[in-house]
Amino acid sequence: MPLNRRQIIELAYALNTRRSALLDEIRNDVERVRAEPYASVAGATPDIGDEAVADLLSDVGEAEVTRDLGELRKLEKALERVSEGSYGKCVDCGAEIPFERLRAQPGAERCRPCQGRHEKTYKV
């Protein structure tokens, strides 16, 4: 069953709200990384342990930003589909994506069967 106008408005609001929160998270993470350079984490005369901790913290920070950017891209694509009128339809088979799935995962672009095939094919 296609999404009705109220459902689309609710989901678009959720998409925009999450998008704003992600942008804030990304800005804060980038500012934190810039404010806390590698040398200050590792120390003036770092030993192997200090360097390992500094590397780990740096990698975790980068992974968080990368994850957030990936989610942000999905949300922006979903907002484009809302504008185009194709939101709620599977990008692979064209079937309607259930409202409950979109409510739980507003950036979802595939129905469950197609998402399962996609994950098996691309090992996402």
N, C-alpha and C. Protein backbone atom coordinates (compact mmCIF):
# COMPACT_ATOMS: atom_id res chain seq x y z
N MET A 1 0.84 -1.17 0.00
CA MET A 1 0.00 0.00 0.00
C MET A 1 0.89 1.24 0.00
N PRO A 2 0.68 2.16 -0.92
CA PRO A 2 1.51 3.36 -0.99
C PRO A 2 1.36 4.22 0.27
N LEU A 3 2.39 4.98 0.52
CA LEU A 3 2.36 5.89 1.67
C LEU A 3 1.34 7.00 1.43
N ASN A 4 0.63 7.37 2.48
CA ASN A 4 -0.29 8.50 2.34
C ASN A 4 0.47 9.80 2.69
N ARG A 5 -0.19 10.91 2.47
CA ARG A 5 0.45 12.22 2.66
C ARG A 5 0.95 12.42 4.10
N ARG A 6 0.15 12.01 5.08
CA ARG A 6 0.52 12.16 6.48
C ARG A 6 1.78 11.35 6.80
N GLN A 7 1.86 10.13 6.27
CA GLN A 7 3.02 9.29 6.50
C GLN A 7 4.28 9.89 5.86
N ILE A 8 4.14 10.41 4.66
CA ILE A 8 5.29 11.03 3.98
C ILE A 8 5.77 12.24 4.77
N ILE A 9 4.84 13.04 5.26
CA ILE A 9 5.22 14.22 6.06
C ILE A 9 5.94 13.78 7.33
N GLU A 10 5.41 12.78 8.00
CA GLU A 10 6.05 12.27 9.22
C GLU A 10 7.46 11.76 8.94
N LEU A 11 7.61 11.00 7.87
CA LEU A 11 8.92 10.43 7.53
C LEU A 11 9.89 11.51 7.05
N ALA A 12 9.41 12.48 6.30
CA ALA A 12 10.28 13.58 5.86
C ALA A 12 10.78 14.38 7.06
N TYR A 13 9.91 14.56 8.05
CA TYR A 13 10.31 15.25 9.27
C TYR A 13 11.40 14.44 9.99
N ALA A 14 11.21 13.13 10.08
CA ALA A 14 12.22 12.27 10.72
C ALA A 14 13.54 12.32 9.96
N LEU A 15 13.47 12.32 8.64
CA LEU A 15 14.69 12.41 7.82
C LEU A 15 15.42 13.72 8.08
N ASN A 16 14.69 14.83 8.07
CA ASN A 16 15.31 16.14 8.29
C ASN A 16 15.86 16.28 9.71
N THR A 17 15.15 15.75 10.68
CA THR A 17 15.61 15.82 12.07
C THR A 17 16.90 15.04 12.24
N ARG A 18 16.93 13.82 11.72
CA ARG A 18 18.15 13.00 11.83
C ARG A 18 19.29 13.63 11.05
N ARG A 19 19.00 14.21 9.89
CA ARG A 19 20.03 14.87 9.08
C ARG A 19 20.67 16.01 9.86
N SER A 20 19.85 16.82 10.51
CA SER A 20 20.38 17.94 11.31
C SER A 20 21.24 17.43 12.46
N ALA A 21 20.79 16.37 13.13
CA ALA A 21 21.56 15.81 14.24
C ALA A 21 22.90 15.26 13.75
N LEU A 22 22.89 14.61 12.60
CA LEU A 22 24.14 14.08 12.05
C LEU A 22 25.11 15.19 11.68
N LEU A 23 24.59 16.26 11.08
CA LEU A 23 25.46 17.37 10.73
C LEU A 23 26.12 17.96 11.97
N ASP A 24 25.36 18.08 13.06
CA ASP A 24 25.93 18.57 14.32
C ASP A 24 26.99 17.61 14.85
N GLU A 25 26.71 16.30 14.80
CA GLU A 25 27.68 15.31 15.26
C GLU A 25 28.97 15.38 14.46
N ILE A 26 28.84 15.49 13.15
CA ILE A 26 30.01 15.54 12.28
C ILE A 26 30.82 16.80 12.58
N ARG A 27 30.15 17.93 12.70
CA ARG A 27 30.86 19.18 13.03
C ARG A 27 31.61 19.05 14.36
N ASN A 28 30.93 18.50 15.37
CA ASN A 28 31.56 18.34 16.69
C ASN A 28 32.74 17.39 16.64
N ASP A 29 32.61 16.28 15.91
CA ASP A 29 33.71 15.32 15.80
C ASP A 29 34.91 15.94 15.10
N VAL A 30 34.66 16.68 14.03
CA VAL A 30 35.75 17.32 13.30
C VAL A 30 36.43 18.37 14.17
N GLU A 31 35.64 19.16 14.89
CA GLU A 31 36.21 20.17 15.79
C GLU A 31 37.04 19.51 16.89
N ARG A 32 36.55 18.40 17.41
CA ARG A 32 37.28 17.69 18.47
C ARG A 32 38.61 17.17 17.95
N VAL A 33 38.60 16.60 16.75
CA VAL A 33 39.84 16.08 16.17
C VAL A 33 40.83 17.22 15.92
N ARG A 34 40.34 18.33 15.43
CA ARG A 34 41.23 19.48 15.19
C ARG A 34 41.77 20.06 16.49
N ALA A 35 40.94 20.08 17.53
CA ALA A 35 41.36 20.66 18.81
C ALA A 35 42.30 19.73 19.57
N GLU A 36 42.28 18.45 19.24
CA GLU A 36 43.10 17.48 19.96
C GLU A 36 44.02 16.78 18.96
N PRO A 37 45.10 17.47 18.54
CA PRO A 37 45.99 16.88 17.55
C PRO A 37 46.71 15.64 18.10
N TYR A 38 47.18 14.85 17.18
CA TYR A 38 47.86 13.59 17.49
C TYR A 38 48.96 13.79 18.52
N ALA A 39 49.78 14.82 18.36
CA ALA A 39 50.92 15.05 19.26
C ALA A 39 50.47 15.28 20.70
N SER A 40 49.34 15.96 20.88
CA SER A 40 48.90 16.20 22.26
C SER A 40 48.36 14.93 22.90
N VAL A 41 47.80 14.03 22.12
CA VAL A 41 47.30 12.77 22.66
C VAL A 41 48.47 11.83 22.96
N ALA A 42 49.44 11.78 22.05
CA ALA A 42 50.58 10.87 22.22
C ALA A 42 51.57 11.41 23.24
N GLY A 43 51.61 12.72 23.42
CA GLY A 43 52.55 13.31 24.37
C GLY A 43 53.78 13.83 23.67
N ALA A 44 54.58 14.59 24.42
CA ALA A 44 55.78 15.21 23.85
C ALA A 44 56.82 14.17 23.48
N THR A 45 57.00 13.18 24.32
CA THR A 45 57.96 12.10 24.03
C THR A 45 57.22 10.77 24.13
N PRO A 46 56.48 10.46 23.09
CA PRO A 46 55.62 9.27 23.17
C PRO A 46 56.41 7.96 23.15
N ASP A 47 55.90 7.00 23.89
CA ASP A 47 56.43 5.65 23.77
C ASP A 47 55.48 4.86 22.90
N ILE A 48 55.74 3.60 22.71
CA ILE A 48 54.92 2.78 21.82
C ILE A 48 53.48 2.70 22.31
N GLY A 49 53.28 2.61 23.62
CA GLY A 49 51.93 2.56 24.18
C GLY A 49 51.16 3.84 23.93
N ASP A 50 51.83 4.99 24.14
CA ASP A 50 51.17 6.28 23.89
C ASP A 50 50.79 6.42 22.42
N GLU A 51 51.69 6.00 21.53
CA GLU A 51 51.41 6.08 20.09
C GLU A 51 50.24 5.18 19.72
N ALA A 52 50.19 4.00 20.33
CA ALA A 52 49.10 3.06 20.02
C ALA A 52 47.75 3.65 20.46
N VAL A 53 47.71 4.25 21.63
CA VAL A 53 46.48 4.86 22.11
C VAL A 53 46.09 6.03 21.22
N ALA A 54 47.06 6.85 20.85
CA ALA A 54 46.78 8.00 19.98
C ALA A 54 46.26 7.52 18.61
N ASP A 55 46.88 6.46 18.08
CA ASP A 55 46.41 5.90 16.80
C ASP A 55 44.98 5.38 16.92
N LEU A 56 44.71 4.68 18.01
CA LEU A 56 43.38 4.11 18.22
C LEU A 56 42.33 5.22 18.31
N LEU A 57 42.62 6.25 19.10
CA LEU A 57 41.67 7.37 19.24
C LEU A 57 41.45 8.08 17.91
N SER A 58 42.51 8.23 17.16
CA SER A 58 42.40 8.87 15.85
C SER A 58 41.55 8.02 14.90
N ASP A 59 41.81 6.71 14.90
CA ASP A 59 41.06 5.81 14.02
C ASP A 59 39.58 5.76 14.40
N VAL A 60 39.29 5.72 15.69
CA VAL A 60 37.90 5.69 16.14
C VAL A 60 37.18 6.98 15.71
N GLY A 61 37.84 8.11 15.89
CA GLY A 61 37.25 9.38 15.48
C GLY A 61 36.96 9.41 13.99
N GLU A 62 37.91 8.91 13.19
CA GLU A 62 37.70 8.88 11.74
C GLU A 62 36.58 7.91 11.37
N ALA A 63 36.51 6.77 12.06
CA ALA A 63 35.47 5.79 11.77
C ALA A 63 34.08 6.36 12.10
N GLU A 64 33.99 7.10 13.20
CA GLU A 64 32.71 7.72 13.55
C GLU A 64 32.26 8.70 12.48
N VAL A 65 33.18 9.53 12.01
CA VAL A 65 32.85 10.51 10.98
C VAL A 65 32.46 9.80 9.69
N THR A 66 33.21 8.76 9.32
CA THR A 66 32.91 8.00 8.10
C THR A 66 31.53 7.36 8.18
N ARG A 67 31.21 6.76 9.33
CA ARG A 67 29.89 6.15 9.52
C ARG A 67 28.79 7.20 9.41
N ASP A 68 29.00 8.34 10.08
CA ASP A 68 28.01 9.41 10.06
C ASP A 68 27.83 9.97 8.65
N LEU A 69 28.92 10.11 7.90
CA LEU A 69 28.82 10.61 6.53
C LEU A 69 28.05 9.64 5.64
N GLY A 70 28.26 8.34 5.85
CA GLY A 70 27.51 7.34 5.09
C GLY A 70 26.02 7.43 5.37
N GLU A 71 25.67 7.57 6.64
CA GLU A 71 24.25 7.70 6.99
C GLU A 71 23.68 9.00 6.43
N LEU A 72 24.46 10.07 6.49
CA LEU A 72 24.01 11.36 5.96
C LEU A 72 23.71 11.25 4.46
N ARG A 73 24.58 10.57 3.73
CA ARG A 73 24.34 10.39 2.29
C ARG A 73 23.04 9.64 2.03
N LYS A 74 22.77 8.59 2.82
CA LYS A 74 21.53 7.83 2.66
C LYS A 74 20.31 8.71 2.94
N LEU A 75 20.41 9.54 3.97
CA LEU A 75 19.29 10.43 4.29
C LEU A 75 19.06 11.45 3.18
N GLU A 76 20.13 11.98 2.65
CA GLU A 76 19.99 12.97 1.57
C GLU A 76 19.39 12.34 0.32
N LYS A 77 19.78 11.09 0.01
CA LYS A 77 19.17 10.39 -1.12
C LYS A 77 17.68 10.16 -0.87
N ALA A 78 17.34 9.82 0.37
CA ALA A 78 15.93 9.61 0.71
C ALA A 78 15.15 10.91 0.55
N LEU A 79 15.73 12.03 0.98
CA LEU A 79 15.05 13.32 0.82
C LEU A 79 14.88 13.67 -0.66
N GLU A 80 15.83 13.29 -1.50
CA GLU A 80 15.69 13.49 -2.94
C GLU A 80 14.51 12.67 -3.47
N ARG A 81 14.39 11.42 -2.98
CA ARG A 81 13.27 10.58 -3.42
C ARG A 81 11.94 11.16 -2.96
N VAL A 82 11.91 11.78 -1.78
CA VAL A 82 10.69 12.44 -1.31
C VAL A 82 10.32 13.55 -2.30
N SER A 83 11.29 14.36 -2.69
CA SER A 83 11.05 15.46 -3.63
C SER A 83 10.58 14.95 -4.99
N GLU A 84 11.15 13.84 -5.42
CA GLU A 84 10.81 13.28 -6.74
C GLU A 84 9.49 12.51 -6.73
N GLY A 85 9.00 12.17 -5.54
CA GLY A 85 7.78 11.40 -5.43
C GLY A 85 8.00 9.89 -5.50
N SER A 86 9.25 9.45 -5.39
CA SER A 86 9.52 8.01 -5.46
C SER A 86 9.88 7.42 -4.10
N TYR A 87 9.79 8.22 -3.05
CA TYR A 87 10.12 7.73 -1.71
C TYR A 87 9.13 6.66 -1.29
N GLY A 88 9.65 5.59 -0.70
CA GLY A 88 8.79 4.50 -0.26
C GLY A 88 8.69 3.37 -1.26
N LYS A 89 9.36 3.51 -2.41
CA LYS A 89 9.39 2.46 -3.42
C LYS A 89 10.81 1.89 -3.48
N CYS A 90 10.90 0.59 -3.56
CA CYS A 90 12.19 -0.10 -3.62
C CYS A 90 12.94 0.32 -4.89
N VAL A 91 14.21 0.68 -4.74
CA VAL A 91 15.00 1.11 -5.89
C VAL A 91 15.35 -0.06 -6.81
N ASP A 92 15.24 -1.29 -6.29
CA ASP A 92 15.58 -2.46 -7.11
C ASP A 92 14.37 -3.03 -7.84
N CYS A 93 13.27 -3.26 -7.13
CA CYS A 93 12.12 -3.93 -7.76
C CYS A 93 10.89 -3.03 -7.93
N GLY A 94 10.88 -1.87 -7.29
CA GLY A 94 9.75 -0.95 -7.40
C GLY A 94 8.61 -1.23 -6.45
N ALA A 95 8.73 -2.28 -5.63
CA ALA A 95 7.66 -2.60 -4.67
C ALA A 95 7.59 -1.53 -3.59
N GLU A 96 6.42 -1.43 -2.97
CA GLU A 96 6.24 -0.48 -1.87
C GLU A 96 7.01 -0.98 -0.64
N ILE A 97 7.73 -0.07 0.01
CA ILE A 97 8.41 -0.39 1.26
C ILE A 97 7.42 -0.10 2.38
N PRO A 98 7.18 -1.06 3.27
CA PRO A 98 6.18 -0.84 4.33
C PRO A 98 6.52 0.36 5.22
N PHE A 99 5.48 1.06 5.62
CA PHE A 99 5.62 2.25 6.47
C PHE A 99 6.42 1.93 7.74
N GLU A 100 6.16 0.77 8.34
CA GLU A 100 6.86 0.40 9.57
C GLU A 100 8.36 0.30 9.35
N ARG A 101 8.77 -0.23 8.20
CA ARG A 101 10.21 -0.31 7.88
C ARG A 101 10.79 1.08 7.72
N LEU A 102 10.08 1.95 7.03
CA LEU A 102 10.57 3.31 6.82
C LEU A 102 10.59 4.09 8.13
N ARG A 103 9.65 3.83 9.00
CA ARG A 103 9.62 4.51 10.29
C ARG A 103 10.86 4.10 11.11
N ALA A 104 11.22 2.83 11.05
CA ALA A 104 12.38 2.34 11.79
C ALA A 104 13.69 2.73 11.10
N GLN A 105 13.67 2.78 9.78
CA GLN A 105 14.86 3.06 8.97
C GLN A 105 14.47 4.04 7.87
N PRO A 106 14.33 5.34 8.20
CA PRO A 106 13.81 6.30 7.21
C PRO A 106 14.62 6.40 5.92
N GLY A 107 15.89 6.05 5.97
CA GLY A 107 16.72 6.11 4.77
C GLY A 107 16.68 4.86 3.93
N ALA A 108 15.86 3.88 4.33
CA ALA A 108 15.79 2.60 3.59
C ALA A 108 15.41 2.86 2.14
N GLU A 109 16.15 2.21 1.24
CA GLU A 109 15.85 2.39 -0.17
C GLU A 109 15.39 1.09 -0.84
N ARG A 110 15.39 0.00 -0.07
CA ARG A 110 14.98 -1.29 -0.61
C ARG A 110 13.95 -1.97 0.29
N CYS A 111 13.12 -2.81 -0.31
CA CYS A 111 12.22 -3.66 0.48
C CYS A 111 13.09 -4.72 1.15
N ARG A 112 12.53 -5.43 2.11
CA ARG A 112 13.32 -6.40 2.88
C ARG A 112 13.93 -7.49 2.00
N PRO A 113 13.18 -8.10 1.07
CA PRO A 113 13.80 -9.15 0.25
C PRO A 113 14.96 -8.62 -0.60
N CYS A 114 14.79 -7.46 -1.21
CA CYS A 114 15.86 -6.88 -2.02
C CYS A 114 17.05 -6.47 -1.17
N GLN A 115 16.78 -5.96 0.04
CA GLN A 115 17.87 -5.58 0.94
C GLN A 115 18.68 -6.82 1.34
N GLY A 116 17.98 -7.92 1.60
CA GLY A 116 18.67 -9.17 1.93
C GLY A 116 19.57 -9.63 0.78
N ARG A 117 19.05 -9.59 -0.45
CA ARG A 117 19.86 -9.96 -1.61
C ARG A 117 21.05 -9.02 -1.77
N HIS A 118 20.81 -7.71 -1.57
CA HIS A 118 21.87 -6.72 -1.70
C HIS A 118 22.99 -6.99 -0.68
N GLU A 119 22.61 -7.28 0.55
CA GLU A 119 23.61 -7.54 1.60
C GLU A 119 24.39 -8.82 1.32
N LYS A 120 23.72 -9.85 0.79
CA LYS A 120 24.43 -11.08 0.47
C LYS A 120 25.38 -10.88 -0.70
N THR A 121 24.95 -10.08 -1.68
CA THR A 121 25.77 -9.85 -2.87
C THR A 121 26.96 -8.98 -2.56
N TYR A 122 26.74 -7.90 -1.80
CA TYR A 122 27.80 -6.92 -1.57
C TYR A 122 28.41 -7.01 -0.17
N LYS A 123 27.92 -7.93 0.65
CA LYS A 123 28.42 -8.13 2.03
C LYS A 123 28.55 -6.82 2.77
N VAL A 124 27.44 -6.08 2.79
CA VAL A 124 27.39 -4.77 3.44
C VAL A 124 27.43 -4.92 4.93
